Amino acid sequence: MKRRNFLKRTIGFGTLTAASTLSAPAIAKGKIQWKMVTCWPKNFPALGTGVKRIADSIYAMSDGRLEIKIYGAGELVPPFEVFDAVREGIAEMGHDAPYYWTAKHSAMPFFTCVPGGLTAQEHAAWLYFGGGQELWDELYNGFGLKAFLAGTGGCNVGGWFKKEINSLDDLKGLRMRIPGLGGDMLSRIGAIPVNLPGGELLPALQSGAIDAVEWIAPYNDLAFGFHKIAKYYYAPGIQEPGSALGLTVNLEAYNNLPNDLQNIIKYAAGDEAFRMLSEMTAGNAFSLDVLLNKHKVKIKSFPKDVTDAMFNAASEILIEKSKENEFTKRVYESWSSYWTKATKLSSLTELGYMNLRSNYNKKS
């Protein structure tokens, strides 16, 4: 009882439900067999293929001692029930985006991505070397979970729109699929955010249930076929500059593993954090070429009044979130401190170089 009161006081959780079904590893024929549930289809570019790489790496590094059976979105549980499925012991692990679970705790978005926030590389640096992982551990421990960075969608584009966005007025009443704080950002400047899982996006766009959709970037967007419905592709985006994905593990099941298998899970996740970004970067480059040259997609940029409004709204939302409870305040302060340092650095390194390269290409 003391532990529960401590969690409520320091992190702001509601009643905790202990998972009792995973007191010992599921063992068959000398192997430990686990289930993994995901928020995406098993064959989904980068996200689905990345999940398979994680399972294959764990199997190979453990010499077959730990076998992971993957269940894609909806196969064992619906995509937006992955967190609870792992927490309750229906599956030992899941692959997800922590900002899907904002209703569980207001600090969740900081461990995926927030609008106007960190790039994928900067976010990983904050987690690994800036104190982010320790805060993530503290948050998830209260739910009986352990989380590892295990992939990223990289920098998301602005999205697909059926009509041009020439000013802020064009966003008024526009229904757009966009999750997390990016949705809150758009709501603040007049749009109507709708949160839908990946499998429902194209039908919703086709039917007119939504007017625009933000998913990831060319690699995944081409696979979904959004270009067949929406004429305008807006980029870059502000809502998700580096959407991180997590390998969420039931803490009781994890603690019951021997140390070597625990480390194998950790390093399989860490390997995929970089490998998925690499697949996404390559896939985006090839897919953008197809969208431009084969499908004649029109690339547009948001007007300055729109991007200024987005950044202003994002900043306001993050400050408001930081005041919701003491734990979110600590996460925000750690994250914000690193954001300031990373912003100062970027103009001297990647951002500075990319600007020079872009200007050179234009002259060429």
Protein backbone atom coordinates (compact mmCIF):
# COMPACT_ATOMS: atom_id res chain seq x y z
CA MET A 1 0.00 0.00 0.00
CA LYS A 2 2.86 2.38 0.75
CA ARG A 3 4.29 1.78 -2.73
CA ARG A 4 0.93 2.57 -4.34
CA ASN A 5 0.55 5.79 -2.39
CA PHE A 6 4.06 6.80 -3.36
CA LEU A 7 3.27 6.31 -7.04
CA LYS A 8 0.08 8.32 -6.81
CA ARG A 9 1.92 11.13 -5.06
CA THR A 10 4.99 11.35 -7.29
CA ILE A 11 3.66 10.30 -10.70
CA GLY A 12 -0.09 10.73 -10.52
CA PHE A 13 -1.29 7.22 -11.40
CA GLY A 14 -4.74 5.91 -10.70
CA THR A 15 -5.35 2.46 -9.30
CA LEU A 16 -2.71 -0.04 -10.38
CA THR A 17 -3.64 -3.50 -11.58
CA ALA A 18 -0.97 -6.12 -10.97
CA ALA A 19 -0.41 -8.66 -13.70
CA SER A 20 -0.45 -12.07 -12.08
CA THR A 21 -0.31 -14.31 -15.13
CA LEU A 22 3.42 -13.89 -15.80
CA SER A 23 4.97 -14.99 -12.51
CA ALA A 24 7.27 -17.34 -14.42
CA PRO A 25 8.34 -17.57 -18.06
CA ALA A 26 6.20 -19.69 -20.37
CA ILE A 27 8.49 -22.63 -21.16
CA ALA A 28 7.99 -25.33 -23.78
CA LYS A 29 10.59 -27.86 -24.96
CA GLY A 30 13.40 -25.99 -23.27
CA LYS A 31 12.44 -22.64 -24.82
CA ILE A 32 10.89 -19.58 -23.31
CA GLN A 33 8.01 -18.52 -25.53
CA TRP A 34 6.66 -15.01 -25.42
CA LYS A 35 3.94 -13.12 -27.27
CA MET A 36 4.43 -9.66 -28.76
CA VAL A 37 1.45 -7.50 -29.72
CA THR A 38 1.89 -4.47 -31.97
CA CYS A 39 0.05 -1.36 -33.08
CA TRP A 40 0.78 -2.07 -36.77
CA PRO A 41 0.29 -4.84 -39.32
CA LYS A 42 3.09 -7.41 -39.39
CA ASN A 43 4.10 -6.58 -42.95
CA PHE A 44 4.02 -2.81 -42.50
CA PRO A 45 7.09 -1.02 -43.96
CA ALA A 46 9.76 -0.30 -41.30
CA LEU A 47 7.39 -0.59 -38.34
CA GLY A 48 6.23 -4.14 -39.07
CA THR A 49 9.52 -5.27 -40.58
CA GLY A 50 11.32 -3.74 -37.61
CA VAL A 51 9.24 -5.75 -35.16
CA LYS A 52 10.21 -8.93 -36.99
CA ARG A 53 13.88 -7.95 -36.83
CA ILE A 54 13.59 -7.51 -33.06
CA ALA A 55 12.04 -10.96 -32.64
CA ASP A 56 14.60 -12.55 -34.99
CA SER A 57 17.49 -10.86 -33.18
CA ILE A 58 16.30 -12.04 -29.78
CA TYR A 59 15.93 -15.59 -31.10
CA ALA A 60 19.36 -15.57 -32.75
CA MET A 61 21.27 -13.95 -29.87
CA SER A 62 19.65 -16.28 -27.33
CA ASP A 63 20.49 -19.30 -29.49
CA GLY A 64 16.80 -20.10 -29.67
CA ARG A 65 16.18 -19.94 -25.93
CA LEU A 66 13.76 -17.01 -26.16
CA GLU A 67 11.21 -17.19 -28.96
CA ILE A 68 8.84 -14.31 -29.70
CA LYS A 69 5.54 -14.88 -31.52
CA ILE A 70 4.35 -11.66 -33.14
CA TYR A 71 0.70 -10.64 -33.31
CA GLY A 72 0.00 -7.71 -35.64
CA ALA A 73 -2.59 -5.04 -34.95
CA GLY A 74 -5.96 -6.64 -34.25
CA GLU A 75 -4.76 -10.25 -34.33
CA LEU A 76 -4.72 -10.75 -30.55
CA VAL A 77 -5.84 -7.34 -29.30
CA PRO A 78 -6.89 -4.09 -31.03
CA PRO A 79 -4.00 -1.70 -31.77
CA PHE A 80 -4.99 0.79 -29.09
CA GLU A 81 -5.10 -1.93 -26.41
CA VAL A 82 -1.45 -2.97 -26.73
CA PHE A 83 -0.35 -1.12 -23.58
CA ASP A 84 -3.00 -2.76 -21.40
CA ALA A 85 -2.44 -6.17 -22.98
CA VAL A 86 1.20 -6.11 -21.90
CA ARG A 87 0.38 -4.61 -18.54
CA GLU A 88 -2.22 -7.29 -17.83
CA GLY A 89 -0.08 -10.19 -19.04
CA ILE A 90 -2.05 -11.07 -22.17
CA ALA A 91 1.30 -10.68 -23.94
CA GLU A 92 4.78 -10.29 -22.50
CA MET A 93 5.78 -7.46 -24.80
CA GLY A 94 4.41 -4.94 -27.25
CA HIS A 95 5.65 -2.51 -29.88
CA ASP A 96 3.95 0.87 -29.82
CA ALA A 97 4.20 4.65 -29.74
CA PRO A 98 3.99 5.88 -26.12
CA TYR A 99 1.97 8.96 -27.04
CA TYR A 100 -0.95 6.63 -27.78
CA TRP A 101 -1.24 6.22 -24.02
CA THR A 102 -1.56 9.90 -23.04
CA ALA A 103 -4.80 9.08 -21.22
CA LYS A 104 -2.72 6.90 -18.89
CA HIS A 105 -0.38 9.75 -17.99
CA SER A 106 0.28 13.25 -19.30
CA ALA A 107 4.05 12.64 -19.58
CA MET A 108 3.66 9.91 -22.22
CA PRO A 109 4.07 12.11 -25.34
CA PHE A 110 7.57 13.18 -24.33
CA PHE A 111 8.75 9.60 -24.83
CA THR A 112 7.50 9.47 -28.43
CA CYS A 113 7.58 12.98 -29.82
CA VAL A 114 6.03 16.36 -29.24
CA PRO A 115 5.32 19.07 -31.84
CA GLY A 116 8.24 21.41 -32.31
CA GLY A 117 10.40 18.93 -30.42
CA LEU A 118 13.48 16.79 -30.93
CA THR A 119 14.56 14.94 -34.05
CA ALA A 120 14.99 11.17 -33.89
CA GLN A 121 18.73 11.46 -33.25
CA GLU A 122 18.26 14.17 -30.63
CA HIS A 123 15.53 12.18 -28.89
CA ALA A 124 17.74 9.08 -28.69
CA ALA A 125 20.53 11.22 -27.25
CA TRP A 126 18.17 12.56 -24.57
CA LEU A 127 17.03 9.05 -23.67
CA TYR A 128 20.46 7.43 -23.62
CA PHE A 129 22.60 10.25 -22.24
CA GLY A 130 20.33 13.07 -21.08
CA GLY A 131 18.33 11.38 -18.32
CA GLY A 132 15.28 10.48 -20.42
CA GLN A 133 15.49 6.71 -19.96
CA GLU A 134 15.59 7.01 -16.18
CA LEU A 135 12.40 9.07 -16.26
CA TRP A 136 10.79 6.61 -18.69
CA ASP A 137 11.71 3.76 -16.33
CA GLU A 138 10.17 5.60 -13.41
CA LEU A 139 6.95 6.25 -15.32
CA TYR A 140 6.53 2.72 -16.66
CA ASN A 141 7.54 1.03 -13.42
CA GLY A 142 4.34 2.42 -11.94
CA PHE A 143 2.39 0.41 -14.51
CA GLY A 144 4.44 -2.76 -14.02
CA LEU A 145 6.24 -2.24 -17.34
CA LYS A 146 9.72 -1.71 -18.76
CA ALA A 147 10.32 0.20 -22.01
CA PHE A 148 13.17 0.46 -24.49
CA LEU A 149 13.65 2.69 -27.50
CA ALA A 150 13.06 0.31 -30.40
CA GLY A 151 12.66 2.23 -33.61
CA THR A 152 11.48 5.54 -35.00
CA GLY A 153 9.41 6.85 -37.86
CA GLY A 154 11.91 9.66 -38.25
CA CYS A 155 10.67 13.14 -39.15
CA ASN A 156 7.05 13.09 -40.28
CA VAL A 157 5.85 15.21 -43.16
CA GLY A 158 2.94 17.61 -42.72
CA GLY A 159 0.34 15.31 -44.25
CA TRP A 160 -2.04 14.76 -47.16
CA PHE A 161 -4.78 17.29 -47.85
CA LYS A 162 -7.69 17.28 -50.26
CA LYS A 163 -7.50 21.05 -50.60
CA GLU A 164 -4.73 23.62 -50.51
CA ILE A 165 -3.82 25.34 -47.25
CA ASN A 166 -3.17 28.96 -48.11
CA SER A 167 -3.79 30.49 -44.69
CA LEU A 168 -4.92 29.68 -41.17
CA ASP A 169 -8.52 30.11 -42.29
CA ASP A 170 -8.22 26.99 -44.46
CA LEU A 171 -7.65 24.90 -41.32
CA LYS A 172 -10.88 26.01 -39.64
CA GLY A 173 -13.10 22.98 -39.18
CA LEU A 174 -10.82 20.71 -41.21
CA ARG A 175 -11.02 17.12 -39.93
CA MET A 176 -7.56 15.60 -39.90
CA ARG A 177 -6.23 12.30 -38.62
CA ILE A 178 -3.40 13.29 -36.31
CA PRO A 179 -2.65 11.77 -32.88
CA GLY A 180 -0.98 12.97 -29.70
CA LEU A 181 -0.09 16.54 -28.93
CA GLY A 182 0.12 17.23 -32.66
CA GLY A 183 -3.64 16.83 -32.65
CA ASP A 184 -3.94 19.22 -29.71
CA MET A 185 -1.77 21.70 -31.62
CA LEU A 186 -4.04 21.60 -34.66
CA SER A 187 -7.15 21.83 -32.51
CA ARG A 188 -5.82 25.02 -30.95
CA ILE A 189 -5.49 26.68 -34.35
CA GLY A 190 -8.91 25.64 -35.62
CA ALA A 191 -8.72 22.11 -37.06
CA ILE A 192 -10.52 19.03 -35.73
CA PRO A 193 -8.10 16.19 -34.87
CA VAL A 194 -9.24 12.60 -35.27
CA ASN A 195 -7.27 9.65 -33.90
CA LEU A 196 -7.53 6.50 -36.02
CA PRO A 197 -5.27 3.43 -36.32
CA GLY A 198 -3.36 2.92 -39.56
CA GLY A 199 -5.70 0.35 -41.06
CA GLU A 200 -8.66 2.76 -40.99
CA LEU A 201 -6.99 5.79 -42.57
CA LEU A 202 -7.50 5.25 -46.30
CA PRO A 203 -11.20 4.27 -45.99
CA ALA A 204 -11.81 7.33 -43.78
CA LEU A 205 -10.11 9.59 -46.34
CA GLN A 206 -12.04 7.98 -49.20
CA SER A 207 -15.41 8.31 -47.49
CA GLY A 208 -14.89 11.92 -46.49
CA ALA A 209 -14.94 11.12 -42.77
CA ILE A 210 -11.65 13.03 -42.66
CA ASP A 211 -10.35 15.80 -44.95
CA ALA A 212 -6.64 15.22 -44.38
CA VAL A 213 -4.33 12.62 -42.92
CA GLU A 214 -0.95 12.68 -41.23
CA TRP A 215 0.75 9.33 -41.08
CA ILE A 216 4.52 9.20 -41.36
CA ALA A 217 6.49 10.02 -44.52
CA PRO A 218 6.80 8.90 -48.19
CA TYR A 219 7.85 5.28 -47.48
CA ASN A 220 4.74 4.41 -45.49
CA ASP A 221 2.45 6.93 -47.15
CA LEU A 222 3.08 5.51 -50.62
CA ALA A 223 2.29 2.01 -49.35
CA PHE A 224 -1.06 3.25 -48.02
CA GLY A 225 -1.97 4.96 -51.30
CA PHE A 226 -2.98 8.32 -49.86
CA HIS A 227 -1.90 9.95 -53.13
CA LYS A 228 -4.89 8.35 -54.84
CA ILE A 229 -7.30 10.38 -52.72
CA ALA A 230 -5.56 13.54 -51.50
CA LYS A 231 -3.94 15.81 -54.08
CA TYR A 232 -1.64 17.92 -51.91
CA TYR A 233 1.32 16.67 -49.88
CA TYR A 234 2.52 19.19 -47.29
CA ALA A 235 6.08 19.09 -45.98
CA PRO A 236 7.96 19.53 -43.77
CA GLY A 237 5.81 18.97 -40.73
CA ILE A 238 6.07 20.36 -37.21
CA GLN A 239 3.91 17.84 -35.36
CA GLU A 240 6.42 14.96 -35.19
CA PRO A 241 10.06 15.75 -35.93
CA GLY A 242 11.19 12.33 -34.71
CA SER A 243 8.51 9.87 -33.58
CA ALA A 244 10.14 7.29 -31.30
CA LEU A 245 8.68 3.81 -30.83
CA GLY A 246 8.97 1.65 -27.76
CA LEU A 247 9.42 -2.01 -26.99
CA THR A 248 7.17 -2.33 -23.95
CA VAL A 249 7.83 -5.34 -21.72
CA ASN A 250 5.86 -6.71 -18.78
CA LEU A 251 8.17 -5.94 -15.86
CA GLU A 252 7.37 -9.10 -13.90
CA ALA A 253 8.06 -11.29 -16.94
CA TYR A 254 11.25 -9.35 -17.65
CA ASN A 255 12.51 -9.69 -14.08
CA ASN A 256 11.91 -13.44 -14.22
CA LEU A 257 14.36 -13.82 -17.10
CA PRO A 258 18.04 -14.57 -16.51
CA ASN A 259 20.37 -11.57 -16.89
CA ASP A 260 21.68 -12.59 -20.29
CA LEU A 261 18.19 -12.73 -21.80
CA GLN A 262 17.30 -9.38 -20.26
CA ASN A 263 20.36 -7.86 -21.94
CA ILE A 264 19.54 -9.55 -25.23
CA ILE A 265 16.12 -7.86 -25.23
CA LYS A 266 17.72 -4.52 -24.39
CA TYR A 267 20.30 -4.70 -27.15
CA ALA A 268 17.91 -6.09 -29.76
CA ALA A 269 15.72 -3.04 -29.10
CA GLY A 270 18.71 -0.70 -29.26
CA ASP A 271 19.87 -2.16 -32.57
CA GLU A 272 16.43 -1.61 -34.07
CA ALA A 273 16.34 1.99 -32.86
CA PHE A 274 19.02 2.78 -35.46
CA ARG A 275 18.16 0.15 -38.05
CA MET A 276 14.52 1.22 -38.40
CA LEU A 277 15.58 4.85 -38.87
CA SER A 278 17.98 3.70 -41.58
CA GLU A 279 15.27 1.68 -43.36
CA MET A 280 12.88 4.61 -43.07
CA THR A 281 15.42 7.08 -44.46
CA ALA A 282 16.24 4.88 -47.45
CA GLY A 283 12.60 4.01 -48.04
CA ASN A 284 11.56 7.66 -47.90
CA ALA A 285 14.14 8.65 -50.49
CA PHE A 286 13.09 5.95 -52.97
CA SER A 287 9.37 6.44 -52.33
CA LEU A 288 9.49 10.21 -52.72
CA ASP A 289 10.98 9.69 -56.17
CA VAL A 290 8.04 7.44 -57.07
CA LEU A 291 5.47 9.90 -55.72
CA LEU A 292 6.98 12.80 -57.64
CA ASN A 293 7.86 11.17 -60.93
CA LYS A 294 5.29 8.40 -61.32
CA HIS A 295 2.26 9.75 -59.49
CA LYS A 296 2.95 13.47 -60.05
CA VAL A 297 2.22 14.36 -56.44
CA LYS A 298 2.30 18.08 -55.64
CA ILE A 299 4.60 18.97 -52.75
CA LYS A 300 3.49 22.07 -50.87
CA SER A 301 4.81 24.02 -47.88
CA PHE A 302 2.61 25.45 -45.16
CA PRO A 303 2.36 29.27 -45.23
CA LYS A 304 4.37 31.13 -42.59
CA ASP A 305 1.29 32.20 -40.63
CA VAL A 306 0.36 28.52 -40.30
CA THR A 307 3.80 27.32 -39.17
CA ASP A 308 4.13 30.26 -36.75
CA ALA A 309 0.75 29.41 -35.26
CA MET A 310 1.74 25.74 -34.98
CA PHE A 311 4.97 26.53 -33.12
CA ASN A 312 3.21 28.97 -30.80
CA ALA A 313 0.43 26.49 -30.03
CA ALA A 314 2.95 23.69 -29.46
CA SER A 315 4.93 25.78 -26.99
CA GLU A 316 1.80 26.75 -25.06
CA ILE A 317 0.61 23.13 -24.88
CA LEU A 318 3.91 21.81 -23.56
CA ILE A 319 4.04 24.44 -20.82
CA GLU A 320 0.45 23.64 -19.84
CA LYS A 321 1.21 19.91 -19.78
CA SER A 322 4.17 20.52 -17.49
CA LYS A 323 1.82 21.96 -14.88
CA GLU A 324 -0.53 18.97 -14.73
CA ASN A 325 1.48 17.07 -12.11
CA GLU A 326 4.91 16.98 -10.53
CA PHE A 327 6.22 14.08 -12.57
CA THR A 328 5.30 15.61 -15.94
CA LYS A 329 6.95 18.82 -14.75
CA ARG A 330 10.19 16.93 -14.11
CA VAL A 331 10.02 15.25 -17.51
CA TYR A 332 9.35 18.56 -19.23
CA GLU A 333 12.22 20.30 -17.44
CA SER A 334 14.66 17.54 -18.40
CA TRP A 335 13.40 17.44 -21.98
CA SER A 336 13.26 21.23 -22.37
CA SER A 337 16.79 21.68 -21.03
CA TYR A 338 18.10 19.21 -23.58
CA TRP A 339 15.98 20.74 -26.38
CA THR A 340 17.64 24.11 -25.77
CA LYS A 341 21.12 22.61 -25.98
CA ALA A 342 20.29 20.53 -29.07
CA THR A 343 18.80 23.56 -30.84
CA LYS A 344 21.98 25.56 -30.32
CA LEU A 345 24.09 22.68 -31.62
CA SER A 346 22.07 21.80 -34.71
CA SER A 347 22.87 24.98 -36.65
CA LEU A 348 26.56 24.13 -36.28
CA THR A 349 26.19 20.49 -37.36
CA GLU A 350 23.46 18.65 -39.31
CA LEU A 351 21.06 21.56 -39.76
CA GLY A 352 23.81 23.95 -40.79
CA TYR A 353 25.25 21.47 -43.25
CA MET A 354 21.87 20.54 -44.74
CA ASN A 355 21.03 24.20 -45.31
CA LEU A 356 24.33 24.69 -47.12
CA ARG A 357 23.76 21.54 -49.17
CA SER A 358 20.22 22.56 -50.07
CA ASN A 359 21.35 26.00 -51.27
CA TYR A 360 24.12 24.41 -53.33
CA ASN A 361 21.66 22.02 -54.99
CA LYS A 362 19.36 24.89 -55.90
CA LYS A 363 22.21 26.73 -57.60
CA SER A 364 23.24 23.58 -59.42
